[in-house]
């Protein structure tokens, strides 16, 4: 089921121009929600939005590939994507829209603050100081277990 990461990046950048930090966090929530909503059990996490893994960097979850692609923008906004978009399944399209609706109005700094309060990033950074470099991958099991609790209360 996994899609090409660049197709997901383009989908969100077609919504609006945004900073690399905001894009990273929006991608993190899209990945997390897909993992949680499209799998039935933590022991079988086969359905993923894309195959790349998030690392627990100082400023929150980061996909190294996306960082490398947009690092030249620094704190400036990446231009809005104006090209053709991939068609996602109805379920995935719905998840992407929900993520945008819930998180799209936040800034990158606000999203960073939110991720810093959530278990998947905290767990991956265990043993690292606040400003220490870390490239430990966030575990899909931690992501699923954390967000499934929120789904169950909705």
C-alpha atoms as a PDB file:
ATOM      1  CA  UNK A   1       0.000   0.000   0.000  1.00  0.00           C
ATOM      2  CA  UNK A   2       2.931   2.376   0.537  1.00  0.00           C
ATOM      3  CA  UNK A   3       3.075   5.418  -1.712  1.00  0.00           C
ATOM      4  CA  UNK A   4       6.046   7.322  -3.048  1.00  0.00           C
ATOM      5  CA  UNK A   5       7.185   9.843  -0.439  1.00  0.00           C
ATOM      6  CA  UNK A   6       7.544  12.611  -3.031  1.00  0.00           C
ATOM      7  CA  UNK A   7       3.895  12.178  -4.035  1.00  0.00           C
ATOM      8  CA  UNK A   8       2.827  12.773  -0.420  1.00  0.00           C
ATOM      9  CA  UNK A   9       5.178  15.770  -0.138  1.00  0.00           C
ATOM     10  CA  UNK A  10       3.669  17.259  -3.305  1.00  0.00           C
ATOM     11  CA  UNK A  11       0.125  16.696  -2.029  1.00  0.00           C
ATOM     12  CA  UNK A  12       0.755  18.773   1.082  1.00  0.00           C
ATOM     13  CA  UNK A  13       2.795  21.429  -0.714  1.00  0.00           C
ATOM     14  CA  UNK A  14      -0.108  21.834  -3.145  1.00  0.00           C
ATOM     15  CA  UNK A  15      -2.166  23.037  -0.163  1.00  0.00           C
ATOM     16  CA  UNK A  16       0.149  25.973   0.587  1.00  0.00           C
ATOM     17  CA  UNK A  17       3.756  27.031   0.773  1.00  0.00           C
ATOM     18  CA  UNK A  18       5.284  26.134   4.145  1.00  0.00           C
ATOM     19  CA  UNK A  19       8.556  25.879   5.989  1.00  0.00           C
ATOM     20  CA  UNK A  20      10.520  22.629   5.902  1.00  0.00           C
ATOM     21  CA  UNK A  21       9.813  22.173   9.628  1.00  0.00           C
ATOM     22  CA  UNK A  22       6.060  22.395   9.115  1.00  0.00           C
ATOM     23  CA  UNK A  23       6.230  20.000   6.168  1.00  0.00           C
ATOM     24  CA  UNK A  24       8.190  17.471   8.244  1.00  0.00           C
ATOM     25  CA  UNK A  25       5.648  17.522  11.062  1.00  0.00           C
ATOM     26  CA  UNK A  26       2.639  17.346   8.709  1.00  0.00           C
ATOM     27  CA  UNK A  27       4.241  14.320   7.034  1.00  0.00           C
ATOM     28  CA  UNK A  28       4.808  12.777  10.458  1.00  0.00           C
ATOM     29  CA  UNK A  29       1.141  13.086  11.375  1.00  0.00           C
ATOM     30  CA  UNK A  30       0.025  11.790   7.983  1.00  0.00           C
ATOM     31  CA  UNK A  31       2.301   8.771   8.425  1.00  0.00           C
ATOM     32  CA  UNK A  32       1.181   8.224  12.026  1.00  0.00           C
ATOM     33  CA  UNK A  33      -2.519   8.489  11.276  1.00  0.00           C
ATOM     34  CA  UNK A  34      -2.218   6.150   8.303  1.00  0.00           C
ATOM     35  CA  UNK A  35      -0.296   3.608  10.365  1.00  0.00           C
ATOM     36  CA  UNK A  36      -2.934   3.782  13.083  1.00  0.00           C
ATOM     37  CA  UNK A  37      -6.073   3.878  10.942  1.00  0.00           C
ATOM     38  CA  UNK A  38      -5.030   1.354   8.277  1.00  0.00           C
ATOM     39  CA  UNK A  39      -3.768  -1.425  10.561  1.00  0.00           C
ATOM     40  CA  UNK A  40      -5.781  -3.539  12.989  1.00  0.00           C
ATOM     41  CA  UNK A  41      -3.055  -4.635  15.372  1.00  0.00           C
ATOM     42  CA  UNK A  42       0.369  -3.500  16.554  1.00  0.00           C
ATOM     43  CA  UNK A  43       1.825  -6.907  15.686  1.00  0.00           C
ATOM     44  CA  UNK A  44       0.983  -6.484  11.980  1.00  0.00           C
ATOM     45  CA  UNK A  45       1.872  -2.961  10.819  1.00  0.00           C
ATOM     46  CA  UNK A  46       1.954  -3.693   7.105  1.00  0.00           C
ATOM     47  CA  UNK A  47      -0.031  -0.702   5.815  1.00  0.00           C
ATOM     48  CA  UNK A  48       2.117   2.431   5.702  1.00  0.00           C
ATOM     49  CA  UNK A  49       1.759   5.733   3.877  1.00  0.00           C
ATOM     50  CA  UNK A  50       5.387   5.469   2.693  1.00  0.00           C
ATOM     51  CA  UNK A  51       8.380   3.328   3.627  1.00  0.00           C
ATOM     52  CA  UNK A  52      10.819   6.003   4.842  1.00  0.00           C
ATOM     53  CA  UNK A  53      11.450   6.227   8.597  1.00  0.00           C
ATOM     54  CA  UNK A  54      11.366   9.265  10.873  1.00  0.00           C
ATOM     55  CA  UNK A  55      14.360  10.074  13.050  1.00  0.00           C
ATOM     56  CA  UNK A  56      14.106  11.733  16.471  1.00  0.00           C
ATOM     57  CA  UNK A  57      15.964  14.975  15.785  1.00  0.00           C
ATOM     58  CA  UNK A  58      16.182  17.892  18.205  1.00  0.00           C
ATOM     59  CA  UNK A  59      13.290  19.714  16.522  1.00  0.00           C
ATOM     60  CA  UNK A  60      11.007  16.682  16.345  1.00  0.00           C
ATOM     61  CA  UNK A  61      10.457  13.794  13.904  1.00  0.00           C
ATOM     62  CA  UNK A  62      12.377  14.247  10.646  1.00  0.00           C
ATOM     63  CA  UNK A  63      12.636  12.325   7.393  1.00  0.00           C
ATOM     64  CA  UNK A  64      16.261  12.685   6.333  1.00  0.00           C
ATOM     65  CA  UNK A  65      15.304  12.502   2.655  1.00  0.00           C
ATOM     66  CA  UNK A  66      12.932  15.447   2.990  1.00  0.00           C
ATOM     67  CA  UNK A  67      15.451  17.384   5.065  1.00  0.00           C
ATOM     68  CA  UNK A  68      18.105  16.916   2.386  1.00  0.00           C
ATOM     69  CA  UNK A  69      15.686  17.914  -0.372  1.00  0.00           C
ATOM     70  CA  UNK A  70      14.602  21.182   1.261  1.00  0.00           C
ATOM     71  CA  UNK A  71      17.513  22.119   3.536  1.00  0.00           C
ATOM     72  CA  UNK A  72      18.375  25.137   1.364  1.00  0.00           C
ATOM     73  CA  UNK A  73      15.103  26.796   2.456  1.00  0.00           C
ATOM     74  CA  UNK A  74      16.149  26.878   6.123  1.00  0.00           C
ATOM     75  CA  UNK A  75      13.413  28.835   7.905  1.00  0.00           C
ATOM     76  CA  UNK A  76      11.938  30.170   4.648  1.00  0.00           C
ATOM     77  CA  UNK A  77       8.851  28.717   3.017  1.00  0.00           C
ATOM     78  CA  UNK A  78       9.035  26.085   0.295  1.00  0.00           C
ATOM     79  CA  UNK A  79       7.007  27.351  -2.690  1.00  0.00           C
ATOM     80  CA  UNK A  80       3.552  25.911  -3.249  1.00  0.00           C
ATOM     81  CA  UNK A  81       3.568  22.873  -5.560  1.00  0.00           C
ATOM     82  CA  UNK A  82       1.721  23.590  -8.797  1.00  0.00           C
ATOM     83  CA  UNK A  83       2.245  20.330 -10.731  1.00  0.00           C
ATOM     84  CA  UNK A  84       0.075  17.247 -11.228  1.00  0.00           C
ATOM     85  CA  UNK A  85      -0.787  15.220  -8.127  1.00  0.00           C
ATOM     86  CA  UNK A  86      -0.929  11.475  -7.629  1.00  0.00           C
ATOM     87  CA  UNK A  87      -4.339   9.972  -6.998  1.00  0.00           C
ATOM     88  CA  UNK A  88      -4.485   8.257  -3.611  1.00  0.00           C
ATOM     89  CA  UNK A  89      -7.045   5.705  -2.492  1.00  0.00           C
ATOM     90  CA  UNK A  90     -10.198   7.186  -0.984  1.00  0.00           C
ATOM     91  CA  UNK A  91      -9.119   6.090   2.511  1.00  0.00           C
ATOM     92  CA  UNK A  92      -5.683   7.682   2.215  1.00  0.00           C
ATOM     93  CA  UNK A  93      -7.083  10.837   0.631  1.00  0.00           C
ATOM     94  CA  UNK A  94      -9.456  11.090   3.598  1.00  0.00           C
ATOM     95  CA  UNK A  95      -6.636  10.684   6.096  1.00  0.00           C
ATOM     96  CA  UNK A  96      -4.503  13.308   4.340  1.00  0.00           C
ATOM     97  CA  UNK A  97      -7.423  15.748   4.344  1.00  0.00           C
ATOM     98  CA  UNK A  98      -8.087  15.112   8.051  1.00  0.00           C
ATOM     99  CA  UNK A  99      -4.432  15.649   8.929  1.00  0.00           C
ATOM    100  CA  UNK A 100      -4.409  18.907   6.967  1.00  0.00           C
ATOM    101  CA  UNK A 101      -7.648  20.027   8.622  1.00  0.00           C
ATOM    102  CA  UNK A 102      -6.336  19.252  12.123  1.00  0.00           C
ATOM    103  CA  UNK A 103      -2.710  20.392  11.776  1.00  0.00           C
ATOM    104  CA  UNK A 104      -2.455  22.617   8.702  1.00  0.00           C
ATOM    105  CA  UNK A 105      -3.226  25.826  10.600  1.00  0.00           C
ATOM    106  CA  UNK A 106      -0.263  25.369  12.975  1.00  0.00           C
ATOM    107  CA  UNK A 107       3.217  26.761  12.356  1.00  0.00           C
ATOM    108  CA  UNK A 108       6.249  24.506  12.206  1.00  0.00           C
ATOM    109  CA  UNK A 109       7.290  25.664  15.684  1.00  0.00           C
ATOM    110  CA  UNK A 110       3.862  24.895  17.128  1.00  0.00           C
ATOM    111  CA  UNK A 111       3.906  21.431  15.548  1.00  0.00           C
ATOM    112  CA  UNK A 112       7.412  20.853  16.921  1.00  0.00           C
ATOM    113  CA  UNK A 113       6.125  21.672  20.390  1.00  0.00           C
ATOM    114  CA  UNK A 114       3.240  19.220  19.994  1.00  0.00           C
ATOM    115  CA  UNK A 115       5.506  16.363  18.853  1.00  0.00           C
ATOM    116  CA  UNK A 116       7.816  17.019  21.818  1.00  0.00           C
ATOM    117  CA  UNK A 117       4.947  16.136  24.152  1.00  0.00           C
ATOM    118  CA  UNK A 118       4.159  12.817  22.481  1.00  0.00           C
ATOM    119  CA  UNK A 119       5.546   9.389  23.354  1.00  0.00           C
ATOM    120  CA  UNK A 120       6.947   8.219  19.985  1.00  0.00           C
ATOM    121  CA  UNK A 121       9.477  11.099  19.798  1.00  0.00           C
ATOM    122  CA  UNK A 122      10.131  11.075  23.555  1.00  0.00           C
ATOM    123  CA  UNK A 123      10.795   7.314  23.537  1.00  0.00           C
ATOM    124  CA  UNK A 124      13.187   7.524  20.583  1.00  0.00           C
ATOM    125  CA  UNK A 125      15.161  10.314  22.301  1.00  0.00           C
ATOM    126  CA  UNK A 126      15.466   8.424  25.581  1.00  0.00           C
ATOM    127  CA  UNK A 127      18.985   8.982  26.933  1.00  0.00           C
ATOM    128  CA  UNK A 128      19.656  12.072  24.791  1.00  0.00           C
ATOM    129  CA  UNK A 129      19.768  15.608  26.143  1.00  0.00           C
ATOM    130  CA  UNK A 130      17.445  18.277  24.726  1.00  0.00           C
ATOM    131  CA  UNK A 131      20.029  19.653  22.278  1.00  0.00           C
ATOM    132  CA  UNK A 132      22.010  16.491  21.579  1.00  0.00           C
ATOM    133  CA  UNK A 133      22.038  15.162  18.007  1.00  0.00           C
ATOM    134  CA  UNK A 134      20.076  11.954  17.610  1.00  0.00           C
ATOM    135  CA  UNK A 135      19.176   9.912  14.553  1.00  0.00           C
ATOM    136  CA  UNK A 136      17.330   7.090  16.322  1.00  0.00           C
ATOM    137  CA  UNK A 137      14.305   6.015  14.283  1.00  0.00           C
ATOM    138  CA  UNK A 138      10.855   6.347  15.787  1.00  0.00           C
ATOM    139  CA  UNK A 139       9.348   2.885  16.146  1.00  0.00           C
ATOM    140  CA  UNK A 140       6.168   2.100  14.251  1.00  0.00           C
ATOM    141  CA  UNK A 141       4.966   0.169  17.305  1.00  0.00           C
ATOM    142  CA  UNK A 142       5.358   3.263  19.493  1.00  0.00           C
ATOM    143  CA  UNK A 143       3.524   5.381  16.934  1.00  0.00           C
ATOM    144  CA  UNK A 144       0.644   2.901  16.644  1.00  0.00           C
ATOM    145  CA  UNK A 145       0.330   2.351  20.398  1.00  0.00           C
ATOM    146  CA  UNK A 146       0.323   6.086  21.112  1.00  0.00           C
ATOM    147  CA  UNK A 147      -2.188   7.196  18.482  1.00  0.00           C
ATOM    148  CA  UNK A 148      -4.548   4.220  18.754  1.00  0.00           C
ATOM    149  CA  UNK A 149      -5.374   5.436  22.282  1.00  0.00           C
ATOM    150  CA  UNK A 150      -6.642   8.690  20.771  1.00  0.00           C
ATOM    151  CA  UNK A 151      -8.718   6.875  18.149  1.00  0.00           C
ATOM    152  CA  UNK A 152     -10.389   4.733  20.791  1.00  0.00           C
ATOM    153  CA  UNK A 153     -11.600   7.812  22.667  1.00  0.00           C
ATOM    154  CA  UNK A 154     -13.069   9.558  19.623  1.00  0.00           C
END
